[in-house]
């Protein structure tokens, strides 16, 4: 029993550092439209795994791809003016 408590103390000693910072949460919020669009694309592709792709499925996948590209474009345009951390060029 002592070994378990000792390991628990070692693991939870850094619990304060496990939580995301405000900056990390802002980046997650900024990237969430891209993630959601990619999930929609993946859902559309999964629906076609067990059957031949018909015209409606192809249209659904094409629209999902366009949403992913649009979300990536918007993200790139929003972050283009921001400087990289650490002064990287």
Protein backbone atom coordinates (compact mmCIF):
# COMPACT_ATOMS: atom_id res chain seq x y z
CA UNK A 1 0.00 0.00 0.00
CA UNK A 2 2.81 2.41 0.73
CA UNK A 3 4.16 2.05 -2.79
CA UNK A 4 0.82 3.10 -4.31
CA UNK A 5 0.57 6.20 -2.14
CA UNK A 6 4.16 7.11 -2.94
CA UNK A 7 3.52 6.80 -6.67
CA UNK A 8 0.31 8.80 -6.35
CA UNK A 9 2.16 11.60 -4.59
CA UNK A 10 4.76 11.65 -7.36
CA UNK A 11 2.14 11.73 -10.11
CA UNK A 12 -0.08 14.39 -8.54
CA UNK A 13 2.83 16.61 -7.47
CA UNK A 14 2.66 18.35 -10.85
CA UNK A 15 -1.14 18.57 -11.07
CA UNK A 16 -1.04 22.36 -11.29
CA UNK A 17 1.01 22.14 -14.48
CA UNK A 18 -1.37 19.71 -16.18
CA UNK A 19 -4.14 22.29 -16.72
CA UNK A 20 -4.00 24.23 -20.00
CA UNK A 21 -3.05 27.87 -19.82
CA UNK A 22 -5.27 30.67 -21.07
CA UNK A 23 -3.09 30.99 -24.17
CA UNK A 24 -3.46 27.29 -24.95
CA UNK A 25 -7.23 27.51 -24.53
CA UNK A 26 -7.30 30.49 -26.91
CA UNK A 27 -5.41 28.49 -29.54
CA UNK A 28 -7.79 25.56 -29.11
CA UNK A 29 -10.76 27.89 -29.55
CA UNK A 30 -9.13 29.43 -32.62
CA UNK A 31 -8.54 26.02 -34.22
CA UNK A 32 -11.91 24.49 -33.29
CA UNK A 33 -13.65 25.35 -36.62
CA UNK A 34 -10.95 23.42 -38.49
CA UNK A 35 -11.28 20.45 -36.16
CA UNK A 36 -15.07 20.40 -36.46
CA UNK A 37 -14.88 20.63 -40.26
CA UNK A 38 -12.40 17.74 -40.34
CA UNK A 39 -14.73 15.67 -38.14
CA UNK A 40 -17.59 16.34 -40.58
CA UNK A 41 -15.38 15.22 -43.47
CA UNK A 42 -14.40 12.08 -41.61
CA UNK A 43 -18.06 11.32 -40.86
CA UNK A 44 -18.93 11.71 -44.54
CA UNK A 45 -16.10 9.38 -45.53
CA UNK A 46 -17.02 6.79 -42.90
CA UNK A 47 -20.59 6.65 -44.22
CA UNK A 48 -19.26 5.44 -47.56
CA UNK A 49 -16.99 2.67 -46.28
CA UNK A 50 -19.48 -0.17 -46.54
CA UNK A 51 -21.21 0.74 -49.79
CA UNK A 52 -20.42 2.22 -53.18
CA UNK A 53 -20.32 6.00 -53.29
CA UNK A 54 -23.43 7.45 -54.88
CA UNK A 55 -23.95 10.99 -56.11
CA UNK A 56 -25.32 12.25 -52.79
CA UNK A 57 -22.36 10.78 -50.88
CA UNK A 58 -19.89 12.30 -53.35
CA UNK A 59 -21.57 15.69 -52.94
CA UNK A 60 -21.51 15.37 -49.15
CA UNK A 61 -17.77 14.55 -49.19
CA UNK A 62 -17.03 17.37 -51.64
CA UNK A 63 -18.88 19.91 -49.50
CA UNK A 64 -17.14 18.66 -46.36
CA UNK A 65 -13.75 19.00 -48.08
CA UNK A 66 -14.65 22.54 -49.11
CA UNK A 67 -15.60 23.37 -45.51
CA UNK A 68 -12.24 22.02 -44.31
CA UNK A 69 -10.37 24.08 -46.88
CA UNK A 70 -12.39 27.17 -45.98
CA UNK A 71 -11.78 26.70 -42.27
CA UNK A 72 -8.05 26.20 -42.86
CA UNK A 73 -7.95 29.30 -45.06
CA UNK A 74 -9.74 31.37 -42.43
CA UNK A 75 -7.39 30.12 -39.73
CA UNK A 76 -4.34 30.91 -41.86
CA UNK A 77 -5.65 34.40 -42.61
CA UNK A 78 -6.37 35.08 -38.93
CA UNK A 79 -2.95 33.90 -37.77
CA UNK A 80 -0.97 35.43 -40.66
CA UNK A 81 -0.58 38.75 -38.87
CA UNK A 82 0.37 37.19 -35.56
CA UNK A 83 4.06 36.76 -34.88
CA UNK A 84 5.46 33.38 -33.94
CA UNK A 85 6.39 32.92 -30.29
CA UNK A 86 10.08 33.12 -29.56
CA UNK A 87 10.78 35.58 -32.35
CA UNK A 88 10.98 32.94 -35.05
CA UNK A 89 10.84 34.35 -38.55
